[in-house]
Amino acid sequence: MASPRKLTEIKHIDPMSFGKIYAVIMAIVGFIYGIIIVGLIAPLMAVYGGAASVGMMAGLGIIGIVLMVILFAILGFIAGVIGAWIYNIVASRIGGIRIELSR
Protein backbone atom coordinates (compact mmCIF):
# COMPACT_ATOMS: atom_id res chain seq x y z
CA MET A 1 0.00 0.00 0.00
CA ALA A 2 1.38 3.38 -0.96
CA SER A 3 1.90 5.87 1.81
CA PRO A 4 0.04 9.18 1.53
CA ARG A 5 2.00 12.05 0.07
CA LYS A 6 3.38 14.45 2.62
CA LEU A 7 3.46 18.03 1.37
CA THR A 8 5.47 20.81 2.94
CA GLU A 9 4.48 24.43 2.52
CA ILE A 10 7.04 27.17 1.83
CA LYS A 11 5.70 29.97 4.01
CA HIS A 12 8.65 32.37 3.93
CA ILE A 13 11.72 32.95 1.76
CA ASP A 14 14.67 34.90 3.12
CA PRO A 15 15.02 37.78 0.62
CA MET A 16 18.81 38.15 0.98
CA SER A 17 19.40 34.44 0.55
CA PHE A 18 17.15 34.28 -2.51
CA GLY A 19 18.75 37.46 -3.87
CA LYS A 20 22.23 35.90 -3.70
CA ILE A 21 21.13 32.68 -5.36
CA TYR A 22 19.27 34.55 -8.11
CA ALA A 23 22.28 36.85 -8.64
CA VAL A 24 24.51 33.85 -9.34
CA ILE A 25 21.94 32.30 -11.68
CA MET A 26 21.55 35.57 -13.58
CA ALA A 27 25.35 36.05 -13.75
CA ILE A 28 25.56 32.70 -15.53
CA VAL A 29 22.76 33.78 -17.88
CA GLY A 30 24.61 37.08 -18.46
CA PHE A 31 27.77 35.16 -19.35
CA ILE A 32 25.89 33.04 -21.87
CA TYR A 33 24.15 36.10 -23.36
CA GLY A 34 27.47 37.94 -23.50
CA ILE A 35 29.11 35.13 -25.45
CA ILE A 36 26.14 34.94 -27.84
CA ILE A 37 26.09 38.69 -28.43
CA VAL A 38 29.85 38.88 -28.96
CA GLY A 39 29.60 35.85 -31.25
CA LEU A 40 26.98 37.64 -33.32
CA ILE A 41 28.58 41.08 -33.40
CA ALA A 42 32.24 40.10 -33.93
CA PRO A 43 31.71 38.63 -37.42
CA LEU A 44 29.76 41.72 -38.45
CA MET A 45 32.57 43.96 -37.21
CA ALA A 46 35.11 41.90 -39.14
CA VAL A 47 33.08 42.14 -42.36
CA TYR A 48 32.13 45.80 -42.14
CA GLY A 49 35.00 47.22 -40.10
CA GLY A 50 38.00 45.50 -41.60
CA ALA A 51 40.94 43.80 -39.92
CA ALA A 52 41.64 46.70 -37.54
CA SER A 53 38.26 46.33 -35.88
CA VAL A 54 38.77 42.61 -35.20
CA GLY A 55 41.50 43.28 -32.63
CA MET A 56 39.46 46.06 -31.08
CA MET A 57 36.41 43.82 -30.99
CA ALA A 58 38.31 41.10 -29.12
CA GLY A 59 39.11 43.54 -26.31
CA LEU A 60 35.64 45.03 -26.29
CA GLY A 61 34.12 41.56 -26.41
CA ILE A 62 35.83 40.51 -23.19
CA ILE A 63 34.86 43.77 -21.51
CA GLY A 64 31.31 43.37 -22.81
CA ILE A 65 31.02 39.86 -21.42
CA VAL A 66 32.34 40.96 -18.02
CA LEU A 67 29.97 43.93 -17.93
CA MET A 68 27.06 41.71 -18.96
CA VAL A 69 27.85 39.28 -16.12
CA ILE A 70 28.08 42.11 -13.57
CA LEU A 71 24.92 43.84 -14.81
CA PHE A 72 22.90 40.63 -14.86
CA ALA A 73 24.15 39.70 -11.36
CA ILE A 74 23.20 43.10 -9.90
CA LEU A 75 19.78 43.09 -11.55
CA GLY A 76 19.28 39.45 -10.57
CA PHE A 77 20.04 40.25 -6.92
CA ILE A 78 17.58 43.15 -6.92
CA ALA A 79 14.90 41.08 -8.67
CA GLY A 80 15.48 38.18 -6.27
CA VAL A 81 15.13 40.33 -3.16
CA ILE A 82 12.00 42.05 -4.49
CA GLY A 83 10.54 38.75 -5.71
CA ALA A 84 11.08 37.05 -2.33
CA TRP A 85 9.60 40.04 -0.53
CA ILE A 86 6.49 39.95 -2.74
CA TYR A 87 6.25 36.15 -2.34
CA ASN A 88 6.32 36.53 1.46
CA ILE A 89 3.46 39.05 1.37
CA VAL A 90 1.35 36.89 -0.94
CA ALA A 91 2.16 33.65 0.90
CA SER A 92 1.17 35.17 4.24
CA ARG A 93 -2.27 36.01 2.82
CA ILE A 94 -3.16 33.05 0.61
CA GLY A 95 -0.65 30.40 1.63
CA GLY A 96 2.67 29.30 0.26
CA ILE A 97 3.73 26.83 -2.39
CA ARG A 98 3.25 23.21 -1.37
CA ILE A 99 6.02 20.80 -2.36
CA GLU A 100 6.77 17.16 -1.71
CA LEU A 101 10.19 16.60 -0.19
CA SER A 102 11.97 13.38 -1.05
CA ARG A 103 13.59 11.32 1.65
PDB file of N, CA and C in Angstrom:
ATOM      1  N   MET A   1       0.841  -1.174   0.000  1.00  0.00           N
ATOM      2  CA  MET A   1       0.000   0.000   0.000  1.00  0.00           C
ATOM      3  C   MET A   1       0.891   1.243   0.000  1.00  0.00           C
ATOM      4  N   ALA A   2       0.589   2.157  -0.843  1.00  0.00           N
ATOM      5  CA  ALA A   2       1.378   3.382  -0.956  1.00  0.00           C
ATOM      6  C   ALA A   2       1.064   4.311   0.204  1.00  0.00           C
ATOM      7  N   SER A   3       2.112   4.927   0.717  1.00  0.00           N
ATOM      8  CA  SER A   3       1.895   5.874   1.809  1.00  0.00           C
ATOM      9  C   SER A   3       1.376   7.196   1.249  1.00  0.00           C
ATOM     10  N   PRO A   4       0.576   7.907   2.029  1.00  0.00           N
ATOM     11  CA  PRO A   4       0.044   9.179   1.535  1.00  0.00           C
ATOM     12  C   PRO A   4       1.171  10.186   1.335  1.00  0.00           C
ATOM     13  N   ARG A   5       0.989  11.035   0.361  1.00  0.00           N
ATOM     14  CA  ARG A   5       2.004  12.054   0.068  1.00  0.00           C
ATOM     15  C   ARG A   5       2.029  13.078   1.186  1.00  0.00           C
ATOM     16  N   LYS A   6       3.231  13.446   1.580  1.00  0.00           N
ATOM     17  CA  LYS A   6       3.385  14.449   2.624  1.00  0.00           C
ATOM     18  C   LYS A   6       3.901  15.723   1.964  1.00  0.00           C
ATOM     19  N   LEU A   7       3.085  16.767   1.992  1.00  0.00           N
ATOM     20  CA  LEU A   7       3.457  18.027   1.368  1.00  0.00           C
ATOM     21  C   LEU A   7       3.930  19.010   2.427  1.00  0.00           C
ATOM     22  N   THR A   8       4.946  19.758   2.085  1.00  0.00           N
ATOM     23  CA  THR A   8       5.474  20.813   2.938  1.00  0.00           C
ATOM     24  C   THR A   8       5.196  22.147   2.272  1.00  0.00           C
ATOM     25  N   GLU A   9       4.820  23.118   3.064  1.00  0.00           N
ATOM     26  CA  GLU A   9       4.482  24.430   2.517  1.00  0.00           C
ATOM     27  C   GLU A   9       5.623  25.419   2.764  1.00  0.00           C
ATOM     28  N   ILE A  10       6.034  26.109   1.699  1.00  0.00           N
ATOM     29  CA  ILE A  10       7.039  27.166   1.832  1.00  0.00           C
ATOM     30  C   ILE A  10       6.291  28.432   2.226  1.00  0.00           C
ATOM     31  N   LYS A  11       6.438  28.828   3.481  1.00  0.00           N
ATOM     32  CA  LYS A  11       5.697  29.972   4.005  1.00  0.00           C
ATOM     33  C   LYS A  11       6.490  31.268   3.925  1.00  0.00           C
ATOM     34  N   HIS A  12       7.815  31.161   3.922  1.00  0.00           N
ATOM     35  CA  HIS A  12       8.649  32.366   3.935  1.00  0.00           C
ATOM     36  C   HIS A  12       9.963  32.072   3.208  1.00  0.00           C
ATOM     37  N   ILE A  13      10.422  33.037   2.431  1.00  0.00           N
ATOM     38  CA  ILE A  13      11.723  32.949   1.760  1.00  0.00           C
ATOM     39  C   ILE A  13      12.564  34.117   2.236  1.00  0.00           C
ATOM     40  N   ASP A  14      13.773  33.835   2.699  1.00  0.00           N
ATOM     41  CA  ASP A  14      14.675  34.903   3.122  1.00  0.00           C
ATOM     42  C   ASP A  14      15.103  35.709   1.897  1.00  0.00           C
ATOM     43  N   PRO A  15      14.729  36.988   1.817  1.00  0.00           N
ATOM     44  CA  PRO A  15      15.022  37.780   0.619  1.00  0.00           C
ATOM     45  C   PRO A  15      16.512  37.872   0.276  1.00  0.00           C
ATOM     46  N   MET A  16      17.372  38.037   1.274  1.00  0.00           N
ATOM     47  CA  MET A  16      18.808  38.152   0.981  1.00  0.00           C
ATOM     48  C   MET A  16      19.370  36.843   0.439  1.00  0.00           C
ATOM     49  N   SER A  17      18.937  35.736   1.019  1.00  0.00           N
ATOM     50  CA  SER A  17      19.397  34.436   0.551  1.00  0.00           C
ATOM     51  C   SER A  17      18.950  34.191  -0.887  1.00  0.00           C
ATOM     52  N   PHE A  18      17.670  34.468  -1.159  1.00  0.00           N
ATOM     53  CA  PHE A  18      17.155  34.275  -2.511  1.00  0.00           C
ATOM     54  C   PHE A  18      17.815  35.242  -3.487  1.00  0.00           C
ATOM     55  N   GLY A  19      18.073  36.473  -3.020  1.00  0.00           N
ATOM     56  CA  GLY A  19      18.748  37.460  -3.872  1.00  0.00           C
ATOM     57  C   GLY A  19      20.133  36.989  -4.296  1.00  0.00           C
ATOM     58  N   LYS A  20      20.881  36.397  -3.371  1.00  0.00           N
ATOM     59  CA  LYS A  20      22.228  35.904  -3.701  1.00  0.00           C
ATOM     60  C   LYS A  20      22.169  34.750  -4.697  1.00  0.00           C
ATOM     61  N   ILE A  21      21.270  33.817  -4.458  1.00  0.00           N
ATOM     62  CA  ILE A  21      21.132  32.677  -5.364  1.00  0.00           C
ATOM     63  C   ILE A  21      20.734  33.152  -6.756  1.00  0.00           C
ATOM     64  N   TYR A  22      19.751  34.062  -6.821  1.00  0.00           N
ATOM     65  CA  TYR A  22      19.273  34.549  -8.111  1.00  0.00           C
ATOM     66  C   TYR A  22      20.343  35.383  -8.813  1.00  0.00           C
ATOM     67  N   ALA A  23      21.181  36.085  -8.041  1.00  0.00           N
ATOM     68  CA  ALA A  23      22.281  36.850  -8.638  1.00  0.00           C
ATOM     69  C   ALA A  23      23.266  35.920  -9.339  1.00  0.00           C
ATOM     70  N   VAL A  24      23.586  34.807  -8.724  1.00  0.00           N
ATOM     71  CA  VAL A  24      24.512  33.846  -9.337  1.00  0.00           C
ATOM     72  C   VAL A  24      23.895  33.233 -10.594  1.00  0.00           C
ATOM     73  N   ILE A  25      22.614  32.868 -10.502  1.00  0.00           N
ATOM     74  CA  ILE A  25      21.943  32.299 -11.677  1.00  0.00           C
ATOM     75  C   ILE A  25      21.945  33.300 -12.824  1.00  0.00           C
ATOM     76  N   MET A  26      21.606  34.550 -12.535  1.00  0.00           N
ATOM     77  CA  MET A  26      21.550  35.569 -13.577  1.00  0.00           C
ATOM     78  C   MET A  26      22.948  35.929 -14.100  1.00  0.00           C
ATOM     79  N   ALA A  27      23.984  35.825 -13.271  1.00  0.00           N
ATOM     80  CA  ALA A  27      25.352  36.052 -13.750  1.00  0.00           C
ATOM     81  C   ALA A  27      25.711  34.994 -14.792  1.00  0.00           C
ATOM     82  N   ILE A  28      25.305  33.764 -14.553  1.00  0.00           N
ATOM     83  CA  ILE A  28      25.556  32.696 -15.527  1.00  0.00           C
ATOM     84  C   ILE A  28      24.797  32.987 -16.819  1.00  0.00           C
ATOM     85  N   VAL A  29      23.545  33.415 -16.699  1.00  0.00           N
ATOM     86  CA  VAL A  29      22.760  33.778 -17.882  1.00  0.00           C
ATOM     87  C   VAL A  29      23.425  34.957 -18.604  1.00  0.00           C
ATOM     88  N   GLY A  30      23.908  35.940 -17.861  1.00  0.00           N
ATOM     89  CA  GLY A  30      24.605  37.077 -18.461  1.00  0.00           C
ATOM     90  C   GLY A  30      25.858  36.665 -19.208  1.00  0.00           C
ATOM     91  N   PHE A  31      26.578  35.682 -18.670  1.00  0.00           N
ATOM     92  CA  PHE A  31      27.769  35.164 -19.346  1.00  0.00           C
ATOM     93  C   PHE A  31      27.391  34.517 -20.676  1.00  0.00           C
ATOM     94  N   ILE A  32      26.342  33.709 -20.644  1.00  0.00           N
ATOM     95  CA  ILE A  32      25.887  33.043 -21.872  1.00  0.00           C
ATOM     96  C   ILE A  32      25.418  34.071 -22.893  1.00  0.00           C
ATOM     97  N   TYR A  33      24.602  35.038 -22.453  1.00  0.00           N
ATOM     98  CA  TYR A  33      24.149  36.095 -23.363  1.00  0.00           C
ATOM     99  C   TYR A  33      25.326  36.889 -23.918  1.00  0.00           C
ATOM    100  N   GLY A  34      26.296  37.187 -23.059  1.00  0.00           N
ATOM    101  CA  GLY A  34      27.471  37.938 -23.504  1.00  0.00           C
ATOM    102  C   GLY A  34      28.228  37.208 -24.599  1.00  0.00           C
ATOM    103  N   ILE A  35      28.417  35.918 -24.427  1.00  0.00           N
ATOM    104  CA  ILE A  35      29.106  35.128 -25.447  1.00  0.00           C
ATOM    105  C   ILE A  35      28.306  35.111 -26.747  1.00  0.00           C
ATOM    106  N   ILE A  36      26.986  34.956 -26.632  1.00  0.00           N
ATOM    107  CA  ILE A  36      26.142  34.935 -27.835  1.00  0.00           C
ATOM    108  C   ILE A  36      26.206  36.279 -28.553  1.00  0.00           C
ATOM    109  N   ILE A  37      26.078  37.363 -27.813  1.00  0.00           N
ATOM    110  CA  ILE A  37      26.088  38.689 -28.432  1.00  0.00           C
ATOM    111  C   ILE A  37      27.441  38.974 -29.077  1.00  0.00           C
ATOM    112  N   VAL A  38      28.523  38.680 -28.386  1.00  0.00           N
ATOM    113  CA  VAL A  38      29.851  38.883 -28.964  1.00  0.00           C
ATOM    114  C   VAL A  38      30.022  37.992 -30.186  1.00  0.00           C
ATOM    115  N   GLY A  39      29.519  36.760 -30.107  1.00  0.00           N
ATOM    116  CA  GLY A  39      29.599  35.850 -31.246  1.00  0.00           C
ATOM    117  C   GLY A  39      28.820  36.338 -32.457  1.00  0.00           C
ATOM    118  N   LEU A  40      27.764  37.104 -32.216  1.00  0.00           N
ATOM    119  CA  LEU A  40      26.979  37.638 -33.325  1.00  0.00           C
ATOM    120  C   LEU A  40      27.554  38.942 -33.868  1.00  0.00           C
ATOM    121  N   ILE A  41      28.098  39.770 -32.981  1.00  0.00           N
ATOM    122  CA  ILE A  41      28.582  41.085 -33.397  1.00  0.00           C
ATOM    123  C   ILE A  41      29.991  41.018 -33.990  1.00  0.00           C
ATOM    124  N   ALA A  42      30.850  40.168 -33.455  1.00  0.00           N
ATOM    125  CA  ALA A  42      32.242  40.099 -33.931  1.00  0.00           C
ATOM    126  C   ALA A  42      32.346  39.816 -35.425  1.00  0.00           C
ATOM    127  N   PRO A  43      31.616  38.854 -35.973  1.00  0.00           N
ATOM    128  CA  PRO A  43      31.713  38.627 -37.418  1.00  0.00           C
ATOM    129  C   PRO A  43      31.245  39.834 -38.235  1.00  0.00           C
ATOM    130  N   LEU A  44      30.229  40.522 -37.744  1.00  0.00           N
ATOM    131  CA  LEU A  44      29.764  41.716 -38.450  1.00  0.00           C
ATOM    132  C   LEU A  44      30.820  42.814 -38.434  1.00  0.00           C
ATOM    133  N   MET A  45      31.507  42.965 -37.305  1.00  0.00           N
ATOM    134  CA  MET A  45      32.574  43.963 -37.209  1.00  0.00           C
ATOM    135  C   MET A  45      33.717  43.603 -38.158  1.00  0.00           C
ATOM    136  N   ALA A  46      34.021  42.325 -38.251  1.00  0.00           N
ATOM    137  CA  ALA A  46      35.105  41.898 -39.140  1.00  0.00           C
ATOM    138  C   ALA A  46      34.757  42.177 -40.598  1.00  0.00           C
ATOM    139  N   VAL A  47      33.504  41.940 -40.971  1.00  0.00           N
ATOM    140  CA  VAL A  47      33.080  42.143 -42.356  1.00  0.00           C
ATOM    141  C   VAL A  47      33.009  43.623 -42.698  1.00  0.00           C
ATOM    142  N   TYR A  48      32.376  44.397 -41.822  1.00  0.00           N
ATOM    143  CA  TYR A  48      32.125  45.799 -42.140  1.00  0.00           C
ATOM    144  C   TYR A  48      33.217  46.745 -41.635  1.00  0.00           C
ATOM    145  N   GLY A  49      34.004  46.320 -40.673  1.00  0.00           N
ATOM    146  CA  GLY A  49      35.001  47.217 -40.105  1.00  0.00           C
ATOM    147  C   GLY A  49      36.421  46.947 -40.552  1.00  0.00           C
ATOM    148  N   GLY A  50      36.652  45.823 -41.158  1.00  0.00           N
ATOM    149  CA  GLY A  50      37.999  45.501 -41.603  1.00  0.00           C
ATOM    150  C   GLY A  50      38.812  44.823 -40.512  1.00  0.00           C
ATOM    151  N   ALA A  51      40.056  44.544 -40.825  1.00  0.00           N
ATOM    152  CA  ALA A  51      40.938  43.797 -39.923  1.00  0.00           C
ATOM    153  C   ALA A  51      41.241  44.569 -38.643  1.00  0.00           C
ATOM    154  N   ALA A  52      41.310  45.893 -38.719  1.00  0.00           N
ATOM    155  CA  ALA A  52      41.643  46.696 -37.542  1.00  0.00           C
ATOM    156  C   ALA A  52      40.573  46.556 -36.461  1.00  0.00           C
ATOM    157  N   SER A  53      39.337  46.413 -36.873  1.00  0.00           N
ATOM    158  CA  SER A  53      38.261  46.326 -35.883  1.00  0.00           C
ATOM    159  C   SER A  53      38.188  44.957 -35.217  1.00  0.00           C
ATOM    160  N   VAL A  54      38.801  43.941 -35.796  1.00  0.00           N
ATOM    161  CA  VAL A  54      38.772  42.606 -35.196  1.00  0.00           C
ATOM    162  C   VAL A  54      39.537  42.604 -33.884  1.00  0.00           C
ATOM    163  N   GLY A  55      40.713  43.197 -33.870  1.00  0.00           N
ATOM    164  CA  GLY A  55      41.499  43.284 -32.632  1.00  0.00           C
ATOM    165  C   GLY A  55      40.790  44.110 -31.582  1.00  0.00           C
ATOM    166  N   MET A  56      40.200  45.217 -32.007  1.00  0.00           N
ATOM    167  CA  MET A  56      39.463  46.057 -31.083  1.00  0.00           C
ATOM    168  C   MET A  56      38.247  45.309 -30.542  1.00  0.00           C
ATOM    169  N   MET A  57      37.597  44.556 -31.403  1.00  0.00           N
ATOM    170  CA  MET A  57      36.407  43.821 -30.994  1.00  0.00           C
ATOM    171  C   MET A  57      36.738  42.740 -29.977  1.00  0.00           C
ATOM    172  N   ALA A  58      37.914  42.135 -30.076  1.00  0.00           N
ATOM    173  CA  ALA A  58      38.310  41.104 -29.117  1.00  0.00           C
ATOM    174  C   ALA A  58      38.394  41.708 -27.718  1.00  0.00           C
ATOM    175  N   GLY A  59      39.020  42.871 -27.606  1.00  0.00           N
ATOM    176  CA  GLY A  59      39.110  43.539 -26.308  1.00  0.00           C
ATOM    177  C   GLY A  59      37.758  43.994 -25.805  1.00  0.00           C
ATOM    178  N   LEU A  60      36.975  44.574 -26.682  1.00  0.00           N
ATOM    179  CA  LEU A  60      35.642  45.025 -26.289  1.00  0.00           C
ATOM    180  C   LEU A  60      34.726  43.850 -25.983  1.00  0.00           C
ATOM    181  N   GLY A  61      34.935  42.749 -26.656  1.00  0.00           N
ATOM    182  CA  GLY A  61      34.118  41.561 -26.411  1.00  0.00           C
ATOM    183  C   GLY A  61      34.300  41.041 -25.005  1.00  0.00           C
ATOM    184  N   ILE A  62      35.549  40.978 -24.550  1.00  0.00           N
ATOM    185  CA  ILE A  62      35.829  40.506 -23.193  1.00  0.00           C
ATOM    186  C   ILE A  62      35.238  41.478 -22.174  1.00  0.00           C
ATOM    187  N   ILE A  63      35.427  42.761 -22.408  1.00  0.00           N
ATOM    188  CA  ILE A  63      34.863  43.772 -21.513  1.00  0.00           C
ATOM    189  C   ILE A  63      33.335  43.682 -21.515  1.00  0.00           C
ATOM    190  N   GLY A  64      32.761  43.492 -22.700  1.00  0.00           N
ATOM    191  CA  GLY A  64      31.308  43.372 -22.808  1.00  0.00           C
ATOM    192  C   GLY A  64      30.768  42.180 -22.047  1.00  0.00           C
ATOM    193  N   ILE A  65      31.459  41.061 -22.142  1.00  0.00           N
ATOM    194  CA  ILE A  65      31.016  39.861 -21.420  1.00  0.00           C
ATOM    195  C   ILE A  65      31.089  40.097 -19.922  1.00  0.00           C
ATOM    196  N   VAL A  66      32.190  40.683 -19.456  1.00  0.00           N
ATOM    197  CA  VAL A  66      32.341  40.956 -18.020  1.00  0.00           C
ATOM    198  C   VAL A  66      31.258  41.915 -17.534  1.00  0.00           C
ATOM    199  N   LEU A  67      31.014  42.974 -18.311  1.00  0.00           N
ATOM    200  CA  LEU A  67      29.975  43.932 -17.929  1.00  0.00           C
ATOM    201  C   LEU A  67      28.593  43.286 -17.937  1.00  0.00           C
ATOM    202  N   MET A  68      28.346  42.407 -18.886  1.00  0.00           N
ATOM    203  CA  MET A  68      27.064  41.711 -18.957  1.00  0.00           C
ATOM    204  C   MET A  68      26.876  40.836 -17.719  1.00  0.00           C
ATOM    205  N   VAL A  69      27.927  40.137 -17.310  1.00  0.00           N
ATOM    206  CA  VAL A  69      27.851  39.283 -16.118  1.00  0.00           C
ATOM    207  C   VAL A  69      27.559  40.135 -14.884  1.00  0.00           C
ATOM    208  N   ILE A  70      28.276  41.240 -14.740  1.00  0.00           N
ATOM    209  CA  ILE A  70      28.084  42.108 -13.573  1.00  0.00           C
ATOM    210  C   ILE A  70      26.683  42.711 -13.566  1.00  0.00           C
ATOM    211  N   LEU A  71      26.244  43.228 -14.716  1.00  0.00           N
ATOM    212  CA  LEU A  71      24.920  43.842 -14.810  1.00  0.00           C
ATOM    213  C   LEU A  71      23.817  42.832 -14.507  1.00  0.00           C
ATOM    214  N   PHE A  72      23.915  41.653 -15.101  1.00  0.00           N
ATOM    215  CA  PHE A  72      22.898  40.630 -14.859  1.00  0.00           C
ATOM    216  C   PHE A  72      22.896  40.197 -13.395  1.00  0.00           C
ATOM    217  N   ALA A  73      24.076  40.096 -12.773  1.00  0.00           N
ATOM    218  CA  ALA A  73      24.154  39.698 -11.364  1.00  0.00           C
ATOM    219  C   ALA A  73      23.496  40.753 -10.465  1.00  0.00           C
ATOM    220  N   ILE A  74      23.785  42.023 -10.717  1.00  0.00           N
ATOM    221  CA  ILE A  74      23.199  43.097  -9.901  1.00  0.00           C
ATOM    222  C   ILE A  74      21.682  43.117 -10.064  1.00  0.00           C
ATOM    223  N   LEU A  75      21.227  43.083 -11.317  1.00  0.00           N
ATOM    224  CA  LEU A  75      19.785  43.092 -11.555  1.00  0.00           C
ATOM    225  C   LEU A  75      19.120  41.828 -11.019  1.00  0.00           C
ATOM    226  N   GLY A  76      19.811  40.697 -11.112  1.00  0.00           N
ATOM    227  CA  GLY A  76      19.283  39.446 -10.565  1.00  0.00           C
ATOM    228  C   GLY A  76      19.138  39.505  -9.061  1.00  0.00           C
ATOM    229  N   PHE A  77      20.122  40.100  -8.378  1.00  0.00           N
ATOM    230  CA  PHE A  77      20.041  40.251  -6.918  1.00  0.00           C
ATOM    231  C   PHE A  77      18.846  41.113  -6.540  1.00  0.00           C
ATOM    232  N   ILE A  78      18.699  42.245  -7.211  1.00  0.00           N
ATOM    233  CA  ILE A  78      17.580  43.151  -6.920  1.00  0.00           C
ATOM    234  C   ILE A  78      16.247  42.462  -7.184  1.00  0.00           C
ATOM    235  N   ALA A  79      16.142  41.786  -8.340  1.00  0.00           N
ATOM    236  CA  ALA A  79      14.900  41.080  -8.674  1.00  0.00           C
ATOM    237  C   ALA A  79      14.622  39.957  -7.687  1.00  0.00           C
ATOM    238  N   GLY A  80      15.665  39.266  -7.236  1.00  0.00           N
ATOM    239  CA  GLY A  80      15.480  38.180  -6.273  1.00  0.00           C
ATOM    240  C   GLY A  80      14.977  38.676  -4.929  1.00  0.00           C
ATOM    241  N   VAL A  81      15.562  39.766  -4.442  1.00  0.00           N
ATOM    242  CA  VAL A  81      15.131  40.331  -3.160  1.00  0.00           C
ATOM    243  C   VAL A  81      13.686  40.819  -3.250  1.00  0.00           C
ATOM    244  N   ILE A  82      13.364  41.547  -4.313  1.00  0.00           N
ATOM    245  CA  ILE A  82      11.997  42.053  -4.490  1.00  0.00           C
ATOM    246  C   ILE A  82      11.017  40.895  -4.678  1.00  0.00           C
ATOM    247  N   GLY A  83      11.412  39.911  -5.474  1.00  0.00           N
ATOM    248  CA  GLY A  83      10.544  38.754  -5.709  1.00  0.00           C
ATOM    249  C   GLY A  83      10.257  37.979  -4.434  1.00  0.00           C
ATOM    250  N   ALA A  84      11.282  37.755  -3.601  1.00  0.00           N
ATOM    251  CA  ALA A  84      11.081  37.045  -2.335  1.00  0.00           C
ATOM    252  C   ALA A  84      10.208  37.860  -1.393  1.00  0.00           C
ATOM    253  N   TRP A  85      10.405  39.159  -1.375  1.00  0.00           N
ATOM    254  CA  TRP A  85       9.604  40.043  -0.533  1.00  0.00           C
ATOM    255  C   TRP A  85       8.125  39.971  -0.938  1.00  0.00           C
ATOM    256  N   ILE A  86       7.863  40.045  -2.241  1.00  0.00           N
ATOM    257  CA  ILE A  86       6.487  39.948  -2.741  1.00  0.00           C
ATOM    258  C   ILE A  86       5.906  38.556  -2.437  1.00  0.00           C
ATOM    259  N   TYR A  87       6.712  37.509  -2.650  1.00  0.00           N
ATOM    260  CA  TYR A  87       6.250  36.151  -2.339  1.00  0.00           C
ATOM    261  C   TYR A  87       5.831  36.050  -0.876  1.00  0.00           C
ATOM    262  N   ASN A  88       6.627  36.607   0.031  1.00  0.00           N
ATOM    263  CA  ASN A  88       6.316  36.529   1.458  1.00  0.00           C
ATOM    264  C   ASN A  88       4.990  37.218   1.783  1.00  0.00           C
ATOM    265  N   ILE A  89       4.732  38.343   1.139  1.00  0.00           N
ATOM    266  CA  ILE A  89       3.464  39.052   1.366  1.00  0.00           C
ATOM    267  C   ILE A  89       2.296  38.204   0.871  1.00  0.00           C
ATOM    268  N   VAL A  90       2.429  37.695  -0.350  1.00  0.00           N
ATOM    269  CA  VAL A  90       1.347  36.892  -0.942  1.00  0.00           C
ATOM    270  C   VAL A  90       1.158  35.589  -0.157  1.00  0.00           C
ATOM    271  N   ALA A  91       2.253  34.921   0.187  1.00  0.00           N
ATOM    272  CA  ALA A  91       2.161  33.645   0.901  1.00  0.00           C
ATOM    273  C   ALA A  91       1.541  33.814   2.280  1.00  0.00           C
ATOM    274  N   SER A  92       1.765  34.955   2.915  1.00  0.00           N
ATOM    275  CA  SER A  92       1.166  35.169   4.239  1.00  0.00           C
ATOM    276  C   SER A  92      -0.342  35.348   4.143  1.00  0.00           C
ATOM    277  N   ARG A  93      -0.824  35.766   2.986  1.00  0.00           N
ATOM    278  CA  ARG A  93      -2.271  36.012   2.824  1.00  0.00           C
ATOM    279  C   ARG A  93      -3.022  34.828   2.236  1.00  0.00           C
ATOM    280  N   ILE A  94      -2.423  34.144   1.262  1.00  0.00           N
ATOM    281  CA  ILE A  94      -3.161  33.049   0.609  1.00  0.00           C
ATOM    282  C   ILE A  94      -2.501  31.686   0.781  1.00  0.00           C
ATOM    283  N   GLY A  95      -1.362  31.662   1.432  1.00  0.00           N
ATOM    284  CA  GLY A  95      -0.655  30.395   1.631  1.00  0.00           C
ATOM    285  C   GLY A  95       0.501  30.263   0.659  1.00  0.00           C
ATOM    286  N   GLY A  96       1.464  29.467   1.065  1.00  0.00           N
ATOM    287  CA  GLY A  96       2.666  29.302   0.257  1.00  0.00           C
ATOM    288  C   GLY A  96       2.550  28.161  -0.733  1.00  0.00           C
ATOM    289  N   ILE A  97       3.647  27.926  -1.425  1.00  0.00           N
ATOM    290  CA  ILE A  97       3.729  26.834  -2.393  1.00  0.00           C
ATOM    291  C   ILE A  97       3.896  25.529  -1.616  1.00  0.00           C
ATOM    292  N   ARG A  98       3.138  24.523  -2.002  1.00  0.00           N
ATOM    293  CA  ARG A  98       3.251  23.212  -1.370  1.00  0.00           C
ATOM    294  C   ARG A  98       4.100  22.302  -2.245  1.00  0.00           C
ATOM    295  N   ILE A  99       5.110  21.695  -1.637  1.00  0.00           N
ATOM    296  CA  ILE A  99       6.017  20.801  -2.362  1.00  0.00           C
ATOM    297  C   ILE A  99       6.146  19.492  -1.603  1.00  0.00           C
ATOM    298  N   GLU A 100       6.501  18.457  -2.337  1.00  0.00           N
ATOM    299  CA  GLU A 100       6.766  17.162  -1.713  1.00  0.00           C
ATOM    300  C   GLU A 100       8.279  16.999  -1.617  1.00  0.00           C
ATOM    301  N   LEU A 101       8.769  16.797  -0.408  1.00  0.00           N
ATOM    302  CA  LEU A 101      10.189  16.599  -0.191  1.00  0.00           C
ATOM    303  C   LEU A 101      10.506  15.114  -0.265  1.00  0.00           C
ATOM    304  N   SER A 102      11.572  14.773  -0.968  1.00  0.00           N
ATOM    305  CA  SER A 102      11.968  13.379  -1.045  1.00  0.00           C
ATOM    306  C   SER A 102      12.781  13.018   0.194  1.00  0.00           C
ATOM    307  N   ARG A 103      12.862  11.753   0.446  1.00  0.00           N
ATOM    308  CA  ARG A 103      13.590  11.319   1.653  1.00  0.00           C
ATOM    309  C   ARG A 103      15.041  11.281   1.443  1.00  0.00           C
TER     310      ARG A 103
END
